[in-house]
Structure formats: C-alpha cells, structure tokens
Amino acid sequence: MLDSNLLWKKIIRKTPPLLTLNYSSASFEVIKMIVEDKSTDPMILDGIIRAYYNNSNVVEAALKNSNLLPHTIKFLLANSNKEIHQLVISIKEKGLTPYVSQKELTALEREDETESFDETSVKYLNIFQQIQKMSVSEKIQLALKGNKEARNILIKDANKKVALTVLESPKMTEQEIEMIAQSKNVSEDVLREIASKRDWLKNYSVVKSLVNNSKTPVGISLSHLNHLKEKDLNDLAKNKNISETIRTSANRLAILRKKTAGSK
C-alpha cells in the first residue's frame, strides 16, 4: 500500500495545473515540498494558498517562490488574518519576495478582490492551454524560441526530446538552470544533461542544487561532492531527502577534510 505522502506527491505532479485538487488533506511535509519547489506551476501554488491561506508556515514558504502570481498575493491580502497580512509585508521588506515591486504590492493591497485573475495569470493560462494543443514538433520549436513561462512548462513535458530542447534555448539563463537543477518535477534525463555541461557547472549554485536534488542520479551526485564547500557538505550529510549513500559519502568526506586540515 502506498504511503499517503508519496501518493499525494504523485497525484499533484501528474495533475494539470488547471484542475483543482483538495489540498487540505495533504500532509504539511508534502505541501512544503511543493511550495518550495521553484518549478511548481503558479496555478498549483494558487490552489494550495487558497487551501492554507491562514497557515503561516505554508504561506511563508510559498512567499519565497518566484512563481507565485500577483493575483495569489492579492487573495492573501484580502482574505488572510492580520498575522498573514503582516507576514506578506515583512517578507517583502526583507527582500525575499521577487514576484512584485513595492509599488505593485501597495497596489495589490488596495485592489478589489472581485477580479479573479489579473493579466499575468491570464497570460500564463493562455500559454499553458496553447501548449496542450501543440504537436511534438511545435513544442520543440517553442522550446527554442519561447519565453520563460513557456520554458517552465515545457521543461516538464513527458516527451524527452521536448524537455531536453528547452535546455538548448539561446534564451536560457543561469538562474533558470539553477531552478531546474533544484526541481523534483523534471526527468533524470534533464538533470543528466545539465550535469554534462561544463559551462553550467562553473556556477557553484547549479552544482549544489544538483547534489541536493533527490532526483539526480546517485553517480552524478557522488562525482560532485568534492566540489562542495564545507558548510554545504555538512548540510548535505544531514539532508534526509536524499539517498543514504549520498549522506554517508558526504559525512565521510567532511570528516576526512577536518582530519586533513588538522594535520597541517
């Protein structure tokens, strides 16, 4: 019998963003994993926020995800309790929310909640709906020429060729590569491809993201352990979301480094 958390992960990852799920029955562990994942679809984030809009732990984690749409923030400001409202403001003041400027946040606080979708969310929905109707060859062309929103959707496409073509886009940025390397919603083939590119591996954050991703093949993670800084290596040794092999190897390497440093 499937563990309930594992079952929820499979259901949410396979459910199109436009369909509504009753997230209230999912465990906090699963919800936190989803809202922290930088590749989670904005409409899924919106559905979770609407189910947990008065849960400060869920909201705080979600507010740090750059995929959160302005109309989701608008919903929070209009419906959440005073504590959550202050949380939105305080996190913005700390510079942790990349989704809106201070001017936009102020405007969101004043807007009427009768409008269910703003221009940003409609744009996203339109792109998603268009992609669902495309042939494989059309998706491949979009993967090369499309915008960031299109790439975010296509990188998770079930067709291997489509997903890998996204990585070939001349518009792809290092920030996007880092987010993809963190994602547990992309295929192993995508993570292998990232790990094969020397230029991308020059970015320490990409290497760190790959090693900390439970979807990354163990062999690839092990080959990059020695590139991690001491603090990140120690954190990895305590990370229960990755395989025991990686944790054990990270711990051994950390101990070895300490002994070597102590003998000098």
Protein backbone atom coordinates (compact mmCIF):
# COMPACT_ATOMS: atom_id res chain seq x y z
CA MET A 1 0.00 0.00 0.00
CA LEU A 2 1.38 3.42 -0.99
CA ASP A 3 2.43 5.83 1.74
CA SER A 4 -0.07 8.74 1.81
CA ASN A 5 2.67 11.35 1.34
CA LEU A 6 4.08 9.50 -1.68
CA LEU A 7 0.61 9.16 -3.14
CA TRP A 8 -0.04 12.88 -2.80
CA LYS A 9 3.26 13.72 -4.49
CA LYS A 10 2.36 11.52 -7.45
CA ILE A 11 -1.17 12.92 -7.72
CA ILE A 12 -0.09 16.57 -7.62
CA ARG A 13 2.79 16.13 -10.04
CA LYS A 14 0.56 14.39 -12.57
CA THR A 15 -2.40 16.75 -12.25
CA PRO A 16 -2.60 19.55 -14.84
CA PRO A 17 -2.42 22.99 -13.18
CA LEU A 18 -5.88 23.92 -14.42
CA LEU A 19 -7.54 21.14 -12.43
CA THR A 20 -8.45 21.74 -8.79
CA LEU A 21 -7.40 19.38 -6.01
CA ASN A 22 -8.46 19.36 -2.37
CA TYR A 23 -5.02 20.12 -0.92
CA SER A 24 -6.34 20.32 2.64
CA SER A 25 -5.98 16.55 3.08
CA ALA A 26 -2.29 16.50 2.12
CA SER A 27 0.38 16.43 4.84
CA PHE A 28 2.38 19.55 5.67
CA GLU A 29 5.57 17.77 4.56
CA VAL A 30 4.16 17.31 1.05
CA ILE A 31 2.71 20.82 0.86
CA LYS A 32 6.00 22.39 1.96
CA MET A 33 7.92 20.36 -0.63
CA ILE A 34 5.60 21.56 -3.38
CA VAL A 35 5.51 25.26 -2.50
CA GLU A 36 9.29 25.43 -2.11
CA ASP A 37 9.92 23.81 -5.50
CA LYS A 38 10.81 26.61 -7.93
CA SER A 39 9.32 24.67 -10.84
CA THR A 40 5.87 24.25 -9.31
CA ASP A 41 3.20 25.65 -11.63
CA PRO A 42 1.79 29.01 -10.47
CA MET A 43 -1.77 27.72 -10.59
CA ILE A 44 -0.89 24.83 -8.27
CA LEU A 45 0.67 27.34 -5.87
CA ASP A 46 -2.52 29.36 -6.09
CA GLY A 47 -4.66 26.33 -5.23
CA ILE A 48 -2.51 25.50 -2.21
CA ILE A 49 -2.53 29.08 -0.95
CA ARG A 50 -6.33 29.17 -1.17
CA ALA A 51 -6.48 25.99 0.94
CA TYR A 52 -3.90 27.18 3.50
CA TYR A 53 -4.29 30.97 3.39
CA ASN A 54 -4.29 31.25 7.20
CA ASN A 55 -1.41 28.83 7.79
CA SER A 56 1.67 30.99 8.41
CA ASN A 57 4.15 28.13 7.81
CA VAL A 58 2.76 27.31 4.37
CA VAL A 59 2.34 30.96 3.39
CA GLU A 60 5.87 31.91 4.47
CA ALA A 61 7.37 29.10 2.36
CA ALA A 62 5.20 29.96 -0.65
CA LEU A 63 6.03 33.67 -0.49
CA LYS A 64 9.66 32.87 -1.29
CA ASN A 65 8.72 31.12 -4.53
CA SER A 66 9.17 33.41 -7.55
CA ASN A 67 6.38 31.55 -9.39
CA LEU A 68 3.72 32.96 -7.09
CA LEU A 69 1.34 35.11 -9.13
CA PRO A 70 0.22 38.64 -8.15
CA HIS A 71 -3.43 37.60 -8.01
CA THR A 72 -2.47 34.96 -5.41
CA ILE A 73 -0.86 37.67 -3.28
CA LYS A 74 -3.98 39.76 -3.79
CA PHE A 75 -6.10 36.88 -2.48
CA LEU A 76 -3.88 36.61 0.62
CA LEU A 77 -4.09 40.31 1.38
CA ALA A 78 -7.87 40.28 1.03
CA ASN A 79 -8.71 37.07 2.89
CA SER A 80 -5.98 36.16 5.37
CA ASN A 81 -5.81 37.08 9.04
CA LYS A 82 -3.77 40.01 10.34
CA GLU A 83 -0.75 37.81 11.08
CA ILE A 84 -0.54 36.58 7.47
CA HIS A 85 -1.12 40.07 6.11
CA GLN A 86 1.84 41.34 8.14
CA LEU A 87 3.90 38.35 7.01
CA VAL A 88 3.40 39.32 3.37
CA ILE A 89 4.56 42.85 4.11
CA SER A 90 7.50 41.86 6.32
CA ILE A 91 8.88 39.29 3.89
CA LYS A 92 8.68 41.84 1.10
CA GLU A 93 10.57 44.34 3.24
CA LYS A 94 13.33 41.76 3.80
CA GLY A 95 13.72 41.46 0.04
CA LEU A 96 12.72 37.79 -0.06
CA THR A 97 9.82 38.13 -2.48
CA PRO A 98 10.91 38.53 -6.13
CA TYR A 99 7.40 38.49 -7.58
CA VAL A 100 6.31 42.12 -7.13
CA SER A 101 7.83 45.54 -6.59
CA GLN A 102 6.88 47.67 -3.56
CA LYS A 103 4.69 49.80 -5.83
CA GLU A 104 2.87 46.71 -7.11
CA LEU A 105 2.46 45.34 -3.59
CA THR A 106 0.88 48.59 -2.45
CA ALA A 107 -1.48 48.45 -5.40
CA LEU A 108 -2.42 44.86 -4.58
CA GLU A 109 -3.37 45.88 -1.06
CA ARG A 110 -5.85 48.41 -2.44
CA GLU A 111 -7.37 46.38 -5.29
CA ASP A 112 -10.88 44.94 -5.19
CA GLU A 113 -10.92 41.15 -4.88
CA THR A 114 -13.88 40.81 -7.25
CA GLU A 115 -11.40 40.32 -10.10
CA SER A 116 -10.41 36.64 -10.03
CA PHE A 117 -7.49 36.75 -12.50
CA ASP A 118 -5.08 39.51 -13.44
CA GLU A 119 -3.17 39.95 -16.68
CA THR A 120 -0.25 37.81 -15.51
CA SER A 121 -2.31 34.76 -14.62
CA VAL A 122 -4.40 35.01 -17.81
CA LYS A 123 -1.18 35.15 -19.81
CA TYR A 124 0.10 32.03 -18.07
CA LEU A 125 -3.16 30.15 -18.59
CA ASN A 126 -3.20 31.08 -22.26
CA ILE A 127 0.33 29.74 -22.77
CA PHE A 128 -0.48 26.53 -20.89
CA GLN A 129 -3.65 25.94 -22.89
CA GLN A 130 -1.88 26.60 -26.18
CA ILE A 131 0.91 24.14 -25.33
CA GLN A 132 -1.61 21.39 -24.54
CA LYS A 133 -2.88 21.62 -28.13
CA MET A 134 0.56 21.55 -29.78
CA SER A 135 2.20 18.69 -31.62
CA VAL A 136 5.66 17.49 -30.53
CA SER A 137 7.35 19.38 -33.37
CA GLU A 138 5.52 22.59 -32.41
CA LYS A 139 6.55 22.17 -28.77
CA ILE A 140 10.17 21.73 -29.85
CA GLN A 141 10.05 24.98 -31.81
CA LEU A 142 8.51 26.77 -28.83
CA ALA A 143 11.15 25.29 -26.53
CA LEU A 144 13.80 27.02 -28.63
CA LYS A 145 12.05 30.31 -29.31
CA GLY A 146 9.53 30.72 -26.49
CA ASN A 147 9.66 32.87 -23.37
CA LYS A 148 10.48 31.91 -19.79
CA GLU A 149 6.88 30.91 -18.99
CA ALA A 150 6.81 28.52 -21.95
CA ARG A 151 10.17 27.01 -20.97
CA ASN A 152 8.95 26.50 -17.40
CA ILE A 153 6.07 24.39 -18.72
CA LEU A 154 7.94 22.54 -21.47
CA ILE A 155 10.90 21.50 -19.27
CA LYS A 156 8.45 19.15 -17.51
CA ASP A 157 6.97 17.76 -20.73
CA ALA A 158 6.58 13.98 -20.83
CA ASN A 159 8.37 13.86 -24.19
CA LYS A 160 12.11 13.59 -23.57
CA LYS A 161 13.05 15.44 -26.76
CA VAL A 162 10.82 18.41 -25.90
CA ALA A 163 12.19 18.73 -22.36
CA LEU A 164 15.83 18.48 -23.47
CA THR A 165 15.32 21.00 -26.25
CA VAL A 166 14.39 23.61 -23.63
CA LEU A 167 17.99 23.41 -22.39
CA GLU A 168 19.18 24.30 -25.91
CA SER A 169 17.26 27.57 -25.99
CA PRO A 170 19.58 30.55 -26.60
CA LYS A 171 17.35 32.50 -24.19
CA MET A 172 18.05 30.14 -21.29
CA THR A 173 19.61 31.89 -18.27
CA GLU A 174 21.82 30.55 -15.48
CA GLN A 175 19.10 31.41 -12.99
CA GLU A 176 16.68 29.15 -14.87
CA ILE A 177 19.26 26.35 -15.00
CA GLU A 178 19.71 26.63 -11.23
CA MET A 179 15.93 26.42 -10.69
CA ILE A 180 15.66 23.39 -12.99
CA ALA A 181 18.56 21.71 -11.19
CA GLN A 182 16.60 22.11 -7.93
CA SER A 183 13.36 20.76 -9.36
CA LYS A 184 12.00 17.35 -8.49
CA ASN A 185 9.41 17.69 -11.24
CA VAL A 186 11.82 17.26 -14.16
CA SER A 187 13.13 13.98 -15.55
CA GLU A 188 16.51 12.41 -14.76
CA ASP A 189 17.43 12.97 -18.41
CA VAL A 190 17.17 16.73 -17.91
CA LEU A 191 19.32 16.61 -14.78
CA ARG A 192 21.90 14.41 -16.56
CA GLU A 193 22.08 16.92 -19.40
CA ILE A 194 22.68 19.81 -17.00
CA ALA A 195 25.40 17.81 -15.26
CA SER A 196 27.12 17.21 -18.62
CA LYS A 197 27.56 20.92 -19.41
CA ARG A 198 30.87 22.30 -18.10
CA ASP A 199 29.80 25.91 -18.55
CA TRP A 200 26.78 25.41 -16.29
CA LEU A 201 28.83 23.52 -13.71
CA LYS A 202 31.07 26.56 -13.32
CA ASN A 203 28.14 28.03 -11.40
CA TYR A 204 28.50 26.72 -7.84
CA SER A 205 24.77 27.10 -7.16
CA VAL A 206 23.98 24.73 -10.04
CA VAL A 207 26.34 22.07 -8.66
CA LYS A 208 24.93 22.47 -5.16
CA SER A 209 21.36 22.23 -6.49
CA LEU A 210 22.10 19.05 -8.44
CA VAL A 211 23.71 17.29 -5.49
CA ASN A 212 20.85 18.25 -3.16
CA ASN A 213 18.19 17.07 -5.62
CA SER A 214 16.90 13.58 -4.81
CA LYS A 215 16.04 13.10 -8.50
CA THR A 216 19.68 13.47 -9.57
CA PRO A 217 21.27 10.05 -10.31
CA VAL A 218 23.47 8.96 -7.40
CA GLY A 219 26.56 8.58 -9.58
CA ILE A 220 26.35 12.20 -10.70
CA SER A 221 25.85 13.50 -7.16
CA LEU A 222 28.81 11.49 -5.85
CA SER A 223 31.08 12.85 -8.59
CA HIS A 224 30.43 16.41 -7.45
CA LEU A 225 30.67 16.00 -3.67
CA ASN A 226 34.29 17.12 -3.59
CA HIS A 227 33.29 20.44 -5.16
CA LEU A 228 31.05 21.41 -2.25
CA LYS A 229 32.09 23.87 0.42
CA GLU A 230 32.44 22.61 3.99
CA LYS A 231 29.14 24.03 5.25
CA ASP A 232 27.17 22.69 2.28
CA LEU A 233 28.84 19.31 2.67
CA ASN A 234 27.81 19.14 6.34
CA ASP A 235 24.26 20.19 5.46
CA LEU A 236 24.13 17.51 2.79
CA ALA A 237 25.16 14.86 5.31
CA LYS A 238 22.04 15.77 7.34
CA ASN A 239 19.66 16.02 4.39
CA LYS A 240 17.13 13.20 4.84
CA ASN A 241 15.51 13.94 1.48
CA ILE A 242 18.41 12.42 -0.45
CA SER A 243 19.74 8.86 -0.57
CA GLU A 244 21.65 7.37 2.34
CA THR A 245 24.59 6.73 0.01
CA ILE A 246 24.98 10.47 -0.65
CA ARG A 247 24.56 11.38 3.03
CA THR A 248 27.12 8.81 4.15
CA SER A 249 29.64 9.83 1.49
CA ALA A 250 29.20 13.50 2.34
CA ASN A 251 29.76 12.78 6.03
CA ARG A 252 32.92 10.75 5.33
CA LEU A 253 34.32 13.47 3.11
CA ALA A 254 33.57 16.13 5.73
CA ILE A 255 35.38 14.09 8.41
CA LEU A 256 38.33 13.47 6.08
CA ARG A 257 38.65 17.18 5.34
CA LYS A 258 38.70 18.01 9.06
CA LYS A 259 41.43 15.43 9.71
CA THR A 260 43.47 16.69 6.79
CA ALA A 261 43.10 20.30 7.93
CA GLY A 262 44.03 19.33 11.49
CA SER A 263 47.21 17.57 10.43
CA LYS A 264 48.61 20.61 8.63
